[in-house]
Amino acid sequence: MYLHLGENTVVRTDNIIGIFDMDTSTISKWTKDYLSNATKNKRVINVSMELPKSFVVCNENNEIKVYVSQISSQTLMKRKSNF
């Protein structure tokens, strides 16, 4: 199945490693460092230019990608659990 992350972006649910809330998870220095490193390595994909509410970490073809979405993590989790 696929999960719609916003705009015209969908990912396979099998590829999802985790769905994270931007407000609560970016408090941690480790998460900030992870996102900074992913950005430097060009693994971050902004789904929308609106205020980010969540990020989704995926393993696509043995490559880690981080999708930043304007949709809340709770909404994404509900969409994922409907499959």
C-alpha atoms as a PDB file:
ATOM      1  CA  MET A   1       0.000   0.000   0.000  1.00  0.00           C
ATOM      2  CA  TYR A   2       0.925   3.638  -0.297  1.00  0.00           C
ATOM      3  CA  LEU A   3       0.787   6.548   2.126  1.00  0.00           C
ATOM      4  CA  HIS A   4       0.052  10.063   0.857  1.00  0.00           C
ATOM      5  CA  LEU A   5       2.433  12.551   2.528  1.00  0.00           C
ATOM      6  CA  GLY A   6       1.019  15.702   0.972  1.00  0.00           C
ATOM      7  CA  GLU A   7       1.127  17.548  -2.327  1.00  0.00           C
ATOM      8  CA  ASN A   8       1.915  14.893  -4.957  1.00  0.00           C
ATOM      9  CA  THR A   9       4.084  12.635  -2.811  1.00  0.00           C
ATOM     10  CA  VAL A  10       3.334   9.045  -1.842  1.00  0.00           C
ATOM     11  CA  VAL A  11       5.560   6.362  -0.325  1.00  0.00           C
ATOM     12  CA  ARG A  12       5.139   2.621   0.037  1.00  0.00           C
ATOM     13  CA  THR A  13       4.062   1.729   3.565  1.00  0.00           C
ATOM     14  CA  ASP A  14       6.541  -1.183   3.518  1.00  0.00           C
ATOM     15  CA  ASN A  15       9.394   1.334   3.163  1.00  0.00           C
ATOM     16  CA  ILE A  16       8.461   3.433   6.202  1.00  0.00           C
ATOM     17  CA  ILE A  17      10.868   3.167   9.124  1.00  0.00           C
ATOM     18  CA  GLY A  18       9.193   5.811  11.271  1.00  0.00           C
ATOM     19  CA  ILE A  19       6.817   8.761  11.385  1.00  0.00           C
ATOM     20  CA  PHE A  20       7.873  11.551  13.725  1.00  0.00           C
ATOM     21  CA  ASP A  21       6.282  14.725  15.074  1.00  0.00           C
ATOM     22  CA  MET A  22       8.450  17.711  14.189  1.00  0.00           C
ATOM     23  CA  ASP A  23       7.695  19.659  17.393  1.00  0.00           C
ATOM     24  CA  THR A  24       8.385  16.935  19.932  1.00  0.00           C
ATOM     25  CA  SER A  25      11.163  14.989  18.234  1.00  0.00           C
ATOM     26  CA  THR A  26      13.353  17.951  17.283  1.00  0.00           C
ATOM     27  CA  ILE A  27      13.854  18.824  20.948  1.00  0.00           C
ATOM     28  CA  SER A  28      16.514  16.120  21.096  1.00  0.00           C
ATOM     29  CA  LYS A  29      20.035  17.051  20.011  1.00  0.00           C
ATOM     30  CA  TRP A  30      20.375  13.617  18.376  1.00  0.00           C
ATOM     31  CA  THR A  31      17.350  14.205  16.182  1.00  0.00           C
ATOM     32  CA  LYS A  32      18.560  17.678  15.230  1.00  0.00           C
ATOM     33  CA  ASP A  33      21.952  16.214  14.319  1.00  0.00           C
ATOM     34  CA  TYR A  34      20.282  13.411  12.325  1.00  0.00           C
ATOM     35  CA  LEU A  35      18.170  15.849  10.318  1.00  0.00           C
ATOM     36  CA  SER A  36      21.143  18.147   9.773  1.00  0.00           C
ATOM     37  CA  ASN A  37      23.244  15.231   8.531  1.00  0.00           C
ATOM     38  CA  ALA A  38      20.439  14.014   6.262  1.00  0.00           C
ATOM     39  CA  THR A  39      20.125  17.517   4.806  1.00  0.00           C
ATOM     40  CA  LYS A  40      23.876  17.737   4.152  1.00  0.00           C
ATOM     41  CA  ASN A  41      23.759  14.360   2.392  1.00  0.00           C
ATOM     42  CA  LYS A  42      20.783  15.475   0.273  1.00  0.00           C
ATOM     43  CA  ARG A  43      18.464  12.841   1.680  1.00  0.00           C
ATOM     44  CA  VAL A  44      15.751  15.278   2.813  1.00  0.00           C
ATOM     45  CA  ILE A  45      12.765  15.827   0.550  1.00  0.00           C
ATOM     46  CA  ASN A  46      10.421  18.691   1.404  1.00  0.00           C
ATOM     47  CA  VAL A  47       6.925  17.651   0.418  1.00  0.00           C
ATOM     48  CA  SER A  48       5.589  21.182   0.843  1.00  0.00           C
ATOM     49  CA  MET A  49       6.968  24.615   1.551  1.00  0.00           C
ATOM     50  CA  GLU A  50       4.368  25.103   4.301  1.00  0.00           C
ATOM     51  CA  LEU A  51       5.198  24.849   8.011  1.00  0.00           C
ATOM     52  CA  PRO A  52       6.515  21.295   8.608  1.00  0.00           C
ATOM     53  CA  LYS A  53       4.601  19.232  11.133  1.00  0.00           C
ATOM     54  CA  SER A  54       6.196  15.820  10.686  1.00  0.00           C
ATOM     55  CA  PHE A  55       8.926  13.882   9.004  1.00  0.00           C
ATOM     56  CA  VAL A  56       8.872  10.344   7.668  1.00  0.00           C
ATOM     57  CA  VAL A  57      12.017   8.214   7.427  1.00  0.00           C
ATOM     58  CA  CYS A  58      11.940   5.645   4.614  1.00  0.00           C
ATOM     59  CA  ASN A  59      14.275   2.998   3.269  1.00  0.00           C
ATOM     60  CA  GLU A  60      13.906   3.058  -0.506  1.00  0.00           C
ATOM     61  CA  ASN A  61      16.177   0.689  -2.434  1.00  0.00           C
ATOM     62  CA  ASN A  62      18.619   0.548   0.518  1.00  0.00           C
ATOM     63  CA  GLU A  63      18.824   4.337   0.613  1.00  0.00           C
ATOM     64  CA  ILE A  64      17.458   6.298   3.566  1.00  0.00           C
ATOM     65  CA  LYS A  65      15.234   9.258   2.648  1.00  0.00           C
ATOM     66  CA  VAL A  66      13.595  11.750   4.982  1.00  0.00           C
ATOM     67  CA  TYR A  67      10.327  13.303   3.833  1.00  0.00           C
ATOM     68  CA  VAL A  68       9.281  16.520   5.575  1.00  0.00           C
ATOM     69  CA  SER A  69       5.507  16.980   5.472  1.00  0.00           C
ATOM     70  CA  GLN A  70       2.963  19.615   6.452  1.00  0.00           C
ATOM     71  CA  ILE A  71       0.602  16.834   7.586  1.00  0.00           C
ATOM     72  CA  SER A  72       0.666  15.956  11.295  1.00  0.00           C
ATOM     73  CA  SER A  73       2.218  12.694  12.427  1.00  0.00           C
ATOM     74  CA  GLN A  74      -1.111  11.665  14.003  1.00  0.00           C
ATOM     75  CA  THR A  75      -2.927  12.056  10.676  1.00  0.00           C
ATOM     76  CA  LEU A  76      -0.234  10.114   8.829  1.00  0.00           C
ATOM     77  CA  MET A  77      -0.387   7.312  11.409  1.00  0.00           C
ATOM     78  CA  LYS A  78      -4.181   7.120  11.040  1.00  0.00           C
ATOM     79  CA  ARG A  79      -3.846   6.942   7.261  1.00  0.00           C
ATOM     80  CA  LYS A  80      -1.219   4.206   7.570  1.00  0.00           C
ATOM     81  CA  SER A  81      -3.281   2.140  10.011  1.00  0.00           C
ATOM     82  CA  ASN A  82      -6.270   2.167   7.655  1.00  0.00           C
ATOM     83  CA  PHE A  83      -4.485  -0.296   5.349  1.00  0.00           C
END
